[in-house]
Amino acid sequence: MGEIASELVKNYALSHNMKMADALIASCAMGHNQPLLSANYKHYQFIHHLNLIKFTV
């Protein structure tokens, strides 16, 4: 998971202000081939190969 998270930060820190905490969350979902349900859709929408589901209240 750490390698995936590091790659995400490397690729998106400047262009999308990707933080390590968000990268770790995304990498866990990606590493386990599971969808990510998040209310913070804008934090993850630009990540390719991430099955993102928008959570709304």
Protein backbone atom coordinates (compact mmCIF):
# COMPACT_ATOMS: atom_id res chain seq x y z
CA MET A 1 0.00 0.00 0.00
CA GLY A 2 2.84 2.37 0.82
CA GLU A 3 4.31 2.13 -2.66
CA ILE A 4 0.96 2.91 -4.28
CA ALA A 5 0.41 5.84 -1.90
CA SER A 6 3.88 7.24 -2.59
CA GLU A 7 3.24 7.01 -6.33
CA LEU A 8 -0.08 8.83 -5.95
CA VAL A 9 1.55 11.66 -3.98
CA LYS A 10 4.37 11.86 -6.49
CA ASN A 11 1.94 12.07 -9.41
CA TYR A 12 -0.73 14.33 -7.91
CA ALA A 13 0.78 16.46 -5.11
CA LEU A 14 1.44 19.49 -7.28
CA SER A 15 -1.43 19.23 -9.73
CA HIS A 16 -4.20 18.23 -7.30
CA ASN A 17 -2.73 18.93 -3.83
CA MET A 18 -2.75 15.20 -2.97
CA LYS A 19 -1.91 14.61 0.70
CA MET A 20 -0.40 11.40 2.05
CA ALA A 21 -3.46 10.61 4.19
CA ASP A 22 -5.75 10.69 1.14
CA ALA A 23 -3.21 8.71 -0.87
CA LEU A 24 -3.09 6.00 1.80
CA ILE A 25 -6.88 5.74 1.86
CA ALA A 26 -7.03 5.46 -1.93
CA SER A 27 -4.16 2.99 -2.07
CA CYS A 28 -5.91 0.67 0.41
CA ALA A 29 -8.98 0.54 -1.80
CA MET A 30 -6.88 0.08 -4.93
CA GLY A 31 -4.63 -2.54 -3.35
CA HIS A 32 -7.60 -4.64 -2.26
CA ASN A 33 -9.45 -4.04 -5.55
CA GLN A 34 -12.41 -2.55 -3.67
CA PRO A 35 -14.47 0.58 -4.30
CA LEU A 36 -13.89 3.68 -2.22
CA LEU A 37 -17.01 5.32 -0.80
CA SER A 38 -16.22 8.94 0.04
CA ALA A 39 -18.02 12.19 0.70
CA ASN A 40 -14.77 13.93 -0.31
CA TYR A 41 -15.21 13.07 -3.98
CA LYS A 42 -13.01 15.96 -5.11
CA HIS A 43 -10.04 14.48 -3.23
CA TYR A 44 -10.10 11.31 -5.35
CA GLN A 45 -11.91 11.96 -8.64
CA PHE A 46 -8.70 12.39 -10.64
CA ILE A 47 -7.14 9.04 -9.64
CA HIS A 48 -7.23 6.54 -12.49
CA HIS A 49 -7.92 2.90 -11.62
CA LEU A 50 -9.82 3.88 -8.48
CA ASN A 51 -13.43 2.74 -8.29
CA LEU A 52 -14.84 5.81 -6.55
CA ILE A 53 -18.40 6.01 -5.28
CA LYS A 54 -19.69 9.41 -4.21
CA PHE A 55 -21.36 9.40 -0.80
CA THR A 56 -24.04 12.02 -0.20
CA VAL A 57 -26.06 12.67 2.91
